[in-house]
N, C-alpha and C. Protein backbone atom coordinates (compact mmCIF):
# COMPACT_ATOMS: atom_id res chain seq x y z
N UNK A 1 3.51 4.53 -16.82
CA UNK A 1 3.45 4.70 -15.42
C UNK A 1 2.03 4.23 -14.85
N UNK A 2 0.95 4.79 -15.62
CA UNK A 2 -0.57 4.45 -15.13
C UNK A 2 -0.72 2.97 -15.25
N UNK A 3 -0.20 2.29 -16.12
CA UNK A 3 -0.37 0.76 -16.27
C UNK A 3 0.29 0.10 -15.07
N UNK A 4 1.50 0.65 -14.62
CA UNK A 4 2.15 0.00 -13.56
C UNK A 4 1.27 0.25 -12.38
N UNK A 5 0.85 1.47 -12.10
CA UNK A 5 0.08 1.71 -10.86
C UNK A 5 -1.37 0.93 -10.95
N UNK A 6 -1.96 0.89 -12.20
CA UNK A 6 -3.21 0.01 -12.18
C UNK A 6 -3.00 -1.39 -11.91
N UNK A 7 -1.69 -1.91 -12.14
CA UNK A 7 -1.46 -3.29 -11.84
C UNK A 7 -1.21 -3.66 -10.53
N UNK A 8 -1.25 -2.62 -9.75
CA UNK A 8 -0.77 -2.93 -8.25
C UNK A 8 -2.07 -3.47 -7.49
N UNK A 9 -1.86 -4.05 -6.38
CA UNK A 9 -2.82 -4.64 -5.57
C UNK A 9 -3.96 -3.49 -5.31
N UNK A 10 -5.14 -3.99 -5.39
CA UNK A 10 -6.46 -3.03 -5.00
C UNK A 10 -6.25 -2.53 -3.78
N UNK A 11 -5.90 -3.26 -2.72
CA UNK A 11 -5.90 -2.78 -1.39
C UNK A 11 -4.87 -1.59 -1.31
N UNK A 12 -3.75 -1.73 -1.90
CA UNK A 12 -2.77 -0.70 -1.97
C UNK A 12 -3.39 0.71 -2.58
N UNK A 13 -4.09 0.34 -3.79
CA UNK A 13 -4.58 1.66 -4.30
C UNK A 13 -5.65 2.30 -3.49
N UNK A 14 -6.39 1.45 -2.87
CA UNK A 14 -7.42 1.96 -2.03
C UNK A 14 -6.86 2.72 -0.76
N UNK A 15 -5.89 2.31 -0.32
CA UNK A 15 -5.20 2.90 0.93
C UNK A 15 -4.50 4.23 0.59
N UNK A 16 -3.90 4.13 -0.63
CA UNK A 16 -3.28 5.35 -1.13
C UNK A 16 -4.20 6.41 -1.48
N UNK A 17 -5.39 6.15 -2.05
CA UNK A 17 -6.39 7.19 -2.23
C UNK A 17 -7.00 7.66 -1.10
N UNK A 18 -7.12 6.88 0.00
CA UNK A 18 -7.69 7.38 1.28
C UNK A 18 -6.71 8.29 1.96
N UNK A 19 -5.34 7.93 1.86
CA UNK A 19 -4.27 8.83 2.43
C UNK A 19 -4.26 10.14 1.82
N UNK A 20 -4.37 10.16 0.52
CA UNK A 20 -4.38 11.31 -0.23
C UNK A 20 -5.72 12.21 0.13
N UNK A 21 -6.81 11.63 0.21
CA UNK A 21 -8.00 12.30 0.55
C UNK A 21 -7.84 12.91 2.10
N UNK A 22 -7.13 12.19 2.92
CA UNK A 22 -7.00 12.66 4.23
C UNK A 22 -6.08 13.91 4.26
N UNK A 23 -4.95 13.75 3.42
CA UNK A 23 -3.99 14.87 3.36
C UNK A 23 -4.69 16.06 2.74
N UNK A 24 -5.64 15.94 1.93
CA UNK A 24 -6.41 17.23 1.25
C UNK A 24 -7.34 17.79 2.31
N UNK A 25 -7.70 17.05 3.20
CA UNK A 25 -8.64 17.44 4.35
C UNK A 25 -8.04 18.15 5.49
N UNK A 26 -8.63 17.93 6.48
CA UNK A 26 -8.12 18.69 7.86
C UNK A 26 -7.37 17.73 8.84
N UNK A 27 -6.90 16.56 8.20
CA UNK A 27 -6.13 15.53 8.93
C UNK A 27 -4.79 16.17 9.47
N UNK A 28 -4.54 15.91 10.74
CA UNK A 28 -3.33 16.31 11.35
C UNK A 28 -2.21 15.43 10.77
N UNK A 29 -0.91 15.93 10.98
CA UNK A 29 0.28 15.19 10.55
C UNK A 29 0.29 13.87 11.39
N UNK A 30 -0.03 13.99 12.55
CA UNK A 30 -0.01 12.78 13.58
C UNK A 30 -1.09 11.78 12.90
N UNK A 31 -2.22 12.19 12.60
CA UNK A 31 -3.23 11.30 12.07
C UNK A 31 -2.86 10.66 10.68
N UNK A 32 -2.21 11.54 9.95
CA UNK A 32 -1.65 10.94 8.62
C UNK A 32 -0.48 9.89 8.96
N UNK A 33 0.31 10.21 9.85
CA UNK A 33 1.33 9.21 10.14
C UNK A 33 0.69 7.96 10.76
N UNK A 34 -0.17 8.06 11.48
CA UNK A 34 -0.83 6.79 12.11
C UNK A 34 -1.46 6.04 11.01
N UNK A 35 -2.01 6.62 10.09
CA UNK A 35 -2.78 5.99 9.04
C UNK A 35 -1.84 5.26 8.05
N UNK A 36 -0.55 5.94 7.94
CA UNK A 36 0.59 5.39 7.09
C UNK A 36 0.97 3.91 7.73
N UNK A 37 1.15 4.06 9.07
CA UNK A 37 1.54 2.72 9.65
C UNK A 37 0.50 1.77 9.44
N UNK A 38 -0.73 2.07 9.71
CA UNK A 38 -1.79 1.08 9.60
C UNK A 38 -1.96 0.57 8.02
N UNK A 39 -1.77 1.40 7.15
CA UNK A 39 -1.84 1.06 5.75
C UNK A 39 -0.64 0.26 5.31
N UNK A 40 0.53 0.51 5.92
CA UNK A 40 1.70 -0.36 5.51
C UNK A 40 1.51 -1.84 6.16
N UNK A 41 0.99 -1.90 7.43
CA UNK A 41 0.81 -3.11 8.01
C UNK A 41 -0.31 -3.94 7.24
N UNK A 42 -1.31 -3.19 6.82
CA UNK A 42 -2.40 -3.93 5.95
C UNK A 42 -1.87 -4.44 4.75
N UNK A 43 -1.06 -3.68 4.01
CA UNK A 43 -0.38 -4.15 2.63
C UNK A 43 0.40 -5.34 2.81
N UNK A 44 1.32 -5.34 3.89
CA UNK A 44 2.31 -6.41 4.17
C UNK A 44 1.65 -7.73 4.26
N UNK A 45 0.49 -7.89 4.86
CA UNK A 45 -0.18 -9.07 5.24
C UNK A 45 -1.05 -9.51 3.95
N UNK A 46 -1.07 -9.02 2.98
CA UNK A 46 -2.02 -9.43 1.84
C UNK A 46 -1.36 -10.73 1.12
N UNK A 47 -2.32 -11.45 0.50
CA UNK A 47 -1.85 -12.66 -0.18
C UNK A 47 -1.01 -12.24 -1.49
N UNK A 48 -1.24 -11.11 -2.11
CA UNK A 48 -0.38 -10.46 -3.22
C UNK A 48 0.88 -10.34 -2.76
N UNK A 49 1.03 -9.73 -1.58
CA UNK A 49 2.53 -9.36 -1.12
C UNK A 49 3.24 -10.77 -0.84
N UNK A 50 2.64 -11.58 -0.21
CA UNK A 50 3.36 -12.96 0.07
C UNK A 50 3.65 -13.55 -1.20
N UNK A 51 2.75 -13.63 -2.13
CA UNK A 51 3.04 -14.28 -3.45
C UNK A 51 4.28 -13.67 -4.03
N UNK A 52 4.31 -12.31 -4.07
CA UNK A 52 5.39 -11.53 -4.64
C UNK A 52 6.76 -11.85 -4.03
N UNK A 53 6.68 -12.00 -2.73
CA UNK A 53 7.98 -12.29 -1.88
C UNK A 53 8.38 -13.80 -2.32
N UNK A 54 7.39 -14.63 -2.49
CA UNK A 54 7.75 -15.98 -2.71
C UNK A 54 8.35 -15.98 -4.12
N UNK A 55 7.87 -15.42 -5.18
CA UNK A 55 8.39 -15.28 -6.47
C UNK A 55 9.81 -14.70 -6.53
N UNK A 56 9.89 -13.63 -5.75
CA UNK A 56 11.27 -12.94 -5.73
C UNK A 56 12.31 -13.94 -5.22
N UNK A 57 12.03 -14.62 -4.03
CA UNK A 57 12.85 -15.58 -3.52
C UNK A 57 13.22 -16.66 -4.53
N UNK A 58 12.22 -17.14 -5.29
CA UNK A 58 12.64 -18.26 -6.21
C UNK A 58 13.38 -17.72 -7.42
N UNK A 59 13.31 -16.38 -7.82
CA UNK A 59 14.20 -16.00 -8.75
C UNK A 59 15.48 -15.66 -8.35
N UNK A 60 15.78 -15.43 -7.01
CA UNK A 60 17.08 -15.20 -6.45
C UNK A 60 17.93 -16.51 -6.49
N UNK A 61 17.16 -17.67 -6.51
CA UNK A 61 17.81 -19.05 -6.45
C UNK A 61 18.35 -19.41 -7.75
């Protein structure tokens, strides 16, 4: 499992870590939910994500 997580895109890991740190602190549920939306949008637009989608599409054909 650790190898799979370590193989993930660096931006994803960075944002997950930040979210966990926020959850351990004094962040409100609303702030955490706002961060989740921003993190998801940031991850969707990465080159790694676009490449993964392209590879998935090619495998389907």
